[in-house]
């Protein structure tokens, strides 16, 4: 039994190394969030109806733009958004847009490196 399990794990590990795009395909799918739960638990000032409208608009925009985002950014943002409370499309879209801006204009949070005068 243990030998069979070991062989199975070995085959799975080898497949993941040889064909990494198999696992990546599932990750490239846009996540599905419960909009109603996100709006109920948001604690936002806006009404639930307005929150739902905003979430649906963000979901529609993400559906169009999803293939254009880098997988590393998408994976990181999904992880950030799904940590904690109810997840929402507005938060995910904001994260991905920030990642895209940072990609174009990388900034060092500590400022430029000092120059040493000779």
N, C-alpha and C. Protein backbone atom coordinates (compact mmCIF):
# COMPACT_ATOMS: atom_id res chain seq x y z
N UNK A 1 0.83 -1.20 0.00
CA UNK A 1 0.00 0.00 0.00
C UNK A 1 0.86 1.25 0.00
N UNK A 2 1.89 1.28 0.87
CA UNK A 2 2.76 2.45 0.94
C UNK A 2 3.55 2.62 -0.36
N UNK A 3 3.97 1.50 -0.94
CA UNK A 3 4.72 1.56 -2.18
C UNK A 3 3.84 2.10 -3.31
N UNK A 4 2.60 1.71 -3.35
CA UNK A 4 1.67 2.21 -4.37
C UNK A 4 1.46 3.71 -4.21
N UNK A 5 1.29 4.15 -2.97
CA UNK A 5 1.10 5.58 -2.70
C UNK A 5 2.35 6.37 -3.09
N UNK A 6 3.52 5.81 -2.78
CA UNK A 6 4.77 6.48 -3.13
C UNK A 6 4.89 6.62 -4.65
N UNK A 7 4.57 5.56 -5.39
CA UNK A 7 4.63 5.62 -6.85
C UNK A 7 3.64 6.63 -7.41
N UNK A 8 2.46 6.67 -6.85
CA UNK A 8 1.45 7.63 -7.29
C UNK A 8 1.95 9.06 -7.10
N UNK A 9 2.51 9.35 -5.93
CA UNK A 9 3.04 10.69 -5.64
C UNK A 9 4.20 11.03 -6.57
N UNK A 10 5.02 10.05 -6.86
CA UNK A 10 6.15 10.25 -7.75
C UNK A 10 5.67 10.60 -9.16
N UNK A 11 4.65 9.90 -9.63
CA UNK A 11 4.09 10.17 -10.96
C UNK A 11 3.49 11.57 -11.01
N UNK A 12 2.76 11.95 -9.98
CA UNK A 12 2.15 13.28 -9.93
C UNK A 12 3.23 14.36 -9.92
N UNK A 13 4.26 14.17 -9.13
CA UNK A 13 5.36 15.15 -9.05
C UNK A 13 6.06 15.28 -10.40
N UNK A 14 6.30 14.16 -11.05
CA UNK A 14 6.95 14.18 -12.37
C UNK A 14 6.07 14.90 -13.39
N UNK A 15 4.77 14.65 -13.35
CA UNK A 15 3.85 15.31 -14.28
C UNK A 15 3.83 16.82 -14.05
N UNK A 16 3.90 17.23 -12.81
CA UNK A 16 3.90 18.67 -12.50
C UNK A 16 5.16 19.34 -13.00
N UNK A 17 6.27 18.62 -12.97
CA UNK A 17 7.53 19.19 -13.46
C UNK A 17 7.56 19.22 -14.98
N UNK A 18 7.10 18.15 -15.61
CA UNK A 18 7.15 18.05 -17.07
C UNK A 18 6.07 18.90 -17.73
N UNK A 19 4.90 18.96 -17.15
CA UNK A 19 3.77 19.68 -17.75
C UNK A 19 3.20 20.72 -16.77
N UNK A 20 3.94 21.78 -16.47
CA UNK A 20 3.44 22.75 -15.49
C UNK A 20 2.21 23.52 -15.98
N UNK A 21 2.00 23.58 -17.31
CA UNK A 21 0.87 24.33 -17.81
C UNK A 21 -0.46 23.67 -17.48
N UNK A 22 -0.47 22.40 -17.13
CA UNK A 22 -1.71 21.72 -16.76
C UNK A 22 -2.31 22.36 -15.51
N UNK A 23 -1.48 22.57 -14.50
CA UNK A 23 -1.95 23.23 -13.28
C UNK A 23 -2.22 24.70 -13.50
N UNK A 24 -1.45 25.33 -14.39
CA UNK A 24 -1.60 26.76 -14.65
C UNK A 24 -2.92 27.06 -15.34
N UNK A 25 -3.44 26.13 -16.12
CA UNK A 25 -4.70 26.36 -16.82
C UNK A 25 -5.82 26.63 -15.84
N UNK A 26 -5.88 25.84 -14.78
CA UNK A 26 -6.93 26.05 -13.78
C UNK A 26 -6.74 27.39 -13.07
N UNK A 27 -5.50 27.77 -12.84
CA UNK A 27 -5.23 29.05 -12.17
C UNK A 27 -5.58 30.22 -13.06
N UNK A 28 -5.56 30.04 -14.37
CA UNK A 28 -5.85 31.14 -15.28
C UNK A 28 -7.33 31.44 -15.38
N UNK A 29 -8.16 30.61 -14.81
CA UNK A 29 -9.59 30.89 -14.81
C UNK A 29 -9.89 31.98 -13.80
N UNK A 30 -10.76 32.89 -14.17
CA UNK A 30 -11.14 33.96 -13.26
C UNK A 30 -11.89 33.36 -12.07
N UNK A 31 -11.56 33.78 -10.86
CA UNK A 31 -12.25 33.22 -9.69
C UNK A 31 -13.72 33.64 -9.66
N UNK A 32 -14.51 32.83 -8.99
CA UNK A 32 -15.93 33.13 -8.85
C UNK A 32 -16.19 33.49 -7.38
N UNK A 33 -16.70 34.69 -7.16
CA UNK A 33 -16.99 35.16 -5.82
C UNK A 33 -18.49 35.28 -5.63
N UNK A 34 -18.93 35.18 -4.40
CA UNK A 34 -20.34 35.36 -4.03
C UNK A 34 -20.57 36.85 -3.81
N UNK A 35 -21.15 37.51 -4.80
CA UNK A 35 -21.36 38.96 -4.73
C UNK A 35 -22.26 39.34 -3.56
N UNK A 36 -23.30 38.58 -3.35
CA UNK A 36 -24.23 38.90 -2.26
C UNK A 36 -23.52 38.85 -0.91
N UNK A 37 -22.71 37.83 -0.70
CA UNK A 37 -21.97 37.71 0.56
C UNK A 37 -20.96 38.84 0.71
N UNK A 38 -20.29 39.19 -0.39
CA UNK A 38 -19.31 40.27 -0.35
C UNK A 38 -19.97 41.59 0.02
N UNK A 39 -21.14 41.84 -0.51
CA UNK A 39 -21.83 43.10 -0.24
C UNK A 39 -22.45 43.13 1.16
N UNK A 40 -22.92 42.00 1.63
CA UNK A 40 -23.46 41.94 2.99
C UNK A 40 -22.36 42.15 4.02
N UNK A 41 -21.19 41.59 3.77
CA UNK A 41 -20.12 41.65 4.75
C UNK A 41 -19.14 42.78 4.55
N UNK A 42 -19.42 43.67 3.59
CA UNK A 42 -18.45 44.71 3.27
C UNK A 42 -18.38 45.80 4.33
N UNK A 43 -19.50 46.09 4.97
CA UNK A 43 -19.51 47.17 5.96
C UNK A 43 -19.36 48.53 5.32
N UNK A 44 -19.57 48.61 4.01
CA UNK A 44 -19.41 49.87 3.29
C UNK A 44 -20.60 50.79 3.55
N UNK A 45 -20.38 52.05 3.27
CA UNK A 45 -21.42 53.07 3.46
C UNK A 45 -22.50 52.91 2.40
N UNK A 46 -22.11 52.46 1.21
CA UNK A 46 -23.07 52.34 0.12
C UNK A 46 -24.12 51.27 0.41
N UNK A 47 -25.22 51.33 -0.31
CA UNK A 47 -26.28 50.35 -0.12
C UNK A 47 -25.87 49.01 -0.72
N UNK A 48 -26.57 47.97 -0.32
CA UNK A 48 -26.30 46.64 -0.86
C UNK A 48 -26.56 46.64 -2.36
N UNK A 49 -27.58 47.36 -2.82
CA UNK A 49 -27.89 47.41 -4.26
C UNK A 49 -26.75 48.06 -5.04
N UNK A 50 -26.20 49.15 -4.53
CA UNK A 50 -25.09 49.85 -5.18
C UNK A 50 -23.84 48.97 -5.16
N UNK A 51 -23.59 48.31 -4.04
CA UNK A 51 -22.46 47.41 -3.92
C UNK A 51 -22.57 46.28 -4.94
N UNK A 52 -23.75 45.71 -5.07
CA UNK A 52 -23.98 44.62 -6.03
C UNK A 52 -23.74 45.11 -7.45
N UNK A 53 -24.22 46.30 -7.76
CA UNK A 53 -24.02 46.89 -9.09
C UNK A 53 -22.52 47.08 -9.37
N UNK A 54 -21.79 47.60 -8.40
CA UNK A 54 -20.35 47.81 -8.56
C UNK A 54 -19.60 46.49 -8.73
N UNK A 55 -19.97 45.49 -7.95
CA UNK A 55 -19.32 44.18 -8.04
C UNK A 55 -19.58 43.53 -9.40
N UNK A 56 -20.82 43.64 -9.89
CA UNK A 56 -21.14 43.06 -11.19
C UNK A 56 -20.39 43.77 -12.32
N UNK A 57 -20.27 45.10 -12.22
CA UNK A 57 -19.53 45.86 -13.23
C UNK A 57 -18.05 45.46 -13.21
N UNK A 58 -17.49 45.30 -12.00
CA UNK A 58 -16.09 44.89 -11.88
C UNK A 58 -15.90 43.47 -12.42
N UNK A 59 -16.86 42.58 -12.15
CA UNK A 59 -16.79 41.21 -12.67
C UNK A 59 -16.80 41.21 -14.19
N UNK A 60 -17.67 42.02 -14.78
CA UNK A 60 -17.75 42.10 -16.25
C UNK A 60 -16.44 42.63 -16.84
N UNK A 61 -15.87 43.65 -16.20
CA UNK A 61 -14.62 44.22 -16.67
C UNK A 61 -13.47 43.21 -16.53
N UNK A 62 -13.45 42.51 -15.40
CA UNK A 62 -12.42 41.47 -15.20
C UNK A 62 -12.54 40.35 -16.23
N UNK A 63 -13.76 39.98 -16.56
CA UNK A 63 -13.97 38.91 -17.55
C UNK A 63 -13.35 39.28 -18.89
N UNK A 64 -13.46 40.56 -19.26
CA UNK A 64 -12.86 41.02 -20.51
C UNK A 64 -11.34 41.11 -20.43
N UNK A 65 -10.82 41.56 -19.28
CA UNK A 65 -9.40 41.85 -19.14
C UNK A 65 -8.56 40.69 -18.60
N UNK A 66 -9.20 39.68 -18.04
CA UNK A 66 -8.49 38.61 -17.33
C UNK A 66 -7.32 38.01 -18.11
N UNK A 67 -7.48 37.68 -19.40
CA UNK A 67 -6.36 37.08 -20.14
C UNK A 67 -5.16 38.02 -20.28
N UNK A 68 -5.36 39.32 -20.11
CA UNK A 68 -4.28 40.28 -20.30
C UNK A 68 -3.39 40.44 -19.06
N UNK A 69 -3.87 40.02 -17.91
CA UNK A 69 -3.09 40.17 -16.68
C UNK A 69 -2.04 39.07 -16.60
N UNK A 70 -0.88 39.42 -16.06
CA UNK A 70 0.17 38.41 -15.86
C UNK A 70 -0.31 37.41 -14.83
N UNK A 71 0.03 36.15 -15.05
CA UNK A 71 -0.41 35.09 -14.14
C UNK A 71 0.11 35.32 -12.73
N UNK A 72 1.35 35.79 -12.61
CA UNK A 72 1.91 36.02 -11.28
C UNK A 72 1.12 37.09 -10.53
N UNK A 73 0.71 38.14 -11.24
CA UNK A 73 -0.10 39.20 -10.61
C UNK A 73 -1.48 38.66 -10.24
N UNK A 74 -2.08 37.89 -11.16
CA UNK A 74 -3.41 37.34 -10.90
C UNK A 74 -3.38 36.41 -9.68
N UNK A 75 -2.39 35.54 -9.62
CA UNK A 75 -2.29 34.61 -8.49
C UNK A 75 -2.10 35.36 -7.17
N UNK A 76 -1.21 36.36 -7.19
CA UNK A 76 -0.93 37.13 -5.97
C UNK A 76 -2.17 37.90 -5.53
N UNK A 77 -2.86 38.55 -6.47
CA UNK A 77 -4.04 39.33 -6.11
C UNK A 77 -5.19 38.45 -5.63
N UNK A 78 -5.38 37.29 -6.26
CA UNK A 78 -6.43 36.37 -5.80
C UNK A 78 -6.12 35.93 -4.38
N UNK A 79 -4.85 35.63 -4.10
CA UNK A 79 -4.47 35.22 -2.75
C UNK A 79 -4.73 36.34 -1.74
N UNK A 80 -4.40 37.57 -2.10
CA UNK A 80 -4.62 38.71 -1.21
C UNK A 80 -6.11 38.90 -0.95
N UNK A 81 -6.89 38.88 -2.02
CA UNK A 81 -8.33 39.16 -1.91
C UNK A 81 -9.07 38.07 -1.16
N UNK A 82 -8.63 36.83 -1.30
CA UNK A 82 -9.36 35.72 -0.66
C UNK A 82 -8.90 35.45 0.76
N UNK A 83 -7.93 36.20 1.25
CA UNK A 83 -7.49 36.05 2.63
C UNK A 83 -8.38 36.89 3.52
N UNK A 84 -9.00 36.28 4.48
CA UNK A 84 -9.85 37.04 5.40
C UNK A 84 -11.32 36.87 5.08
N UNK A 85 -12.02 38.00 5.01
CA UNK A 85 -13.47 38.00 4.85
C UNK A 85 -13.94 37.68 3.44
N UNK A 86 -15.15 38.14 3.12
CA UNK A 86 -15.76 37.88 1.82
C UNK A 86 -14.95 38.55 0.72
N UNK A 87 -14.75 37.83 -0.37
CA UNK A 87 -13.95 38.31 -1.48
C UNK A 87 -14.82 39.03 -2.49
N UNK A 88 -14.25 40.07 -3.12
CA UNK A 88 -15.02 40.83 -4.08
C UNK A 88 -14.24 41.13 -5.34
N UNK A 89 -14.99 41.33 -6.43
CA UNK A 89 -14.39 41.63 -7.72
C UNK A 89 -13.78 43.03 -7.76
N UNK A 90 -14.37 43.99 -7.06
CA UNK A 90 -13.85 45.35 -7.05
C UNK A 90 -12.44 45.35 -6.45
N UNK A 91 -12.27 44.66 -5.35
CA UNK A 91 -10.97 44.59 -4.70
C UNK A 91 -9.95 43.87 -5.59
N UNK A 92 -10.37 42.80 -6.27
CA UNK A 92 -9.48 42.07 -7.16
C UNK A 92 -9.07 42.94 -8.35
N UNK A 93 -10.02 43.65 -8.94
CA UNK A 93 -9.73 44.52 -10.07
C UNK A 93 -8.77 45.64 -9.65
N UNK A 94 -8.98 46.21 -8.48
CA UNK A 94 -8.11 47.26 -7.97
C UNK A 94 -6.68 46.74 -7.79
N UNK A 95 -6.54 45.57 -7.23
CA UNK A 95 -5.23 44.96 -7.03
C UNK A 95 -4.52 44.74 -8.36
N UNK A 96 -5.23 44.21 -9.34
CA UNK A 96 -4.63 43.93 -10.64
C UNK A 96 -4.27 45.21 -11.38
N UNK A 97 -5.09 46.24 -11.24
CA UNK A 97 -4.77 47.52 -11.87
C UNK A 97 -3.53 48.14 -11.22
N UNK A 98 -3.42 48.03 -9.92
CA UNK A 98 -2.24 48.54 -9.21
C UNK A 98 -0.98 47.79 -9.65
N UNK A 99 -1.10 46.48 -9.83
CA UNK A 99 0.04 45.68 -10.29
C UNK A 99 0.46 46.09 -11.69
N UNK A 100 -0.50 46.40 -12.53
CA UNK A 100 -0.19 46.83 -13.90
C UNK A 100 0.50 48.19 -13.90
N UNK A 101 0.05 49.10 -13.05
CA UNK A 101 0.69 50.42 -12.94
C UNK A 101 2.11 50.26 -12.42
N UNK A 102 2.28 49.44 -11.40
CA UNK A 102 3.61 49.21 -10.82
C UNK A 102 4.55 48.60 -11.84
N UNK A 103 4.01 47.75 -12.71
CA UNK A 103 4.83 47.12 -13.74
C UNK A 103 5.36 48.17 -14.72
N UNK A 104 4.53 49.15 -15.04
CA UNK A 104 4.95 50.20 -15.98
C UNK A 104 5.86 51.23 -15.33
N UNK A 105 5.59 51.57 -14.09
CA UNK A 105 6.36 52.59 -13.38
C UNK A 105 6.85 52.07 -12.04
N UNK A 106 7.82 51.17 -12.05
CA UNK A 106 8.27 50.63 -10.76
C UNK A 106 8.89 51.74 -9.90
N UNK A 107 8.50 51.75 -8.65
CA UNK A 107 9.04 52.75 -7.73
C UNK A 107 9.63 52.04 -6.53
N UNK A 108 10.70 52.59 -6.06
CA UNK A 108 11.34 52.06 -4.87
C UNK A 108 10.71 52.75 -3.67
N UNK A 109 10.13 52.01 -2.73
CA UNK A 109 9.48 52.65 -1.58
C UNK A 109 10.45 53.43 -0.71
N UNK A 110 11.75 53.18 -0.87
CA UNK A 110 12.75 53.88 -0.07
C UNK A 110 13.34 55.07 -0.81
N UNK A 111 12.87 55.34 -2.04
CA UNK A 111 13.39 56.45 -2.82
C UNK A 111 14.60 56.06 -3.63
N UNK A 112 15.16 57.02 -4.35
CA UNK A 112 16.31 56.72 -5.18
C UNK A 112 17.56 56.43 -4.34
N UNK A 113 18.48 55.70 -4.93
CA UNK A 113 19.73 55.42 -4.24
C UNK A 113 20.56 56.70 -4.15
N UNK A 114 21.23 56.90 -3.03
CA UNK A 114 22.06 58.10 -2.91
C UNK A 114 23.30 57.98 -3.80
N UNK A 115 23.76 59.10 -4.27
CA UNK A 115 24.99 59.10 -5.06
C UNK A 115 26.13 59.57 -4.16
N UNK A 116 27.26 59.01 -4.40
CA UNK A 116 28.44 59.37 -3.61
C UNK A 116 29.34 60.26 -4.45
N UNK A 117 29.58 61.45 -3.96
CA UNK A 117 30.43 62.40 -4.70
C UNK A 117 31.88 61.99 -4.53
N UNK A 118 32.65 62.12 -5.58
CA UNK A 118 34.07 61.76 -5.52
C UNK A 118 34.92 62.97 -5.31
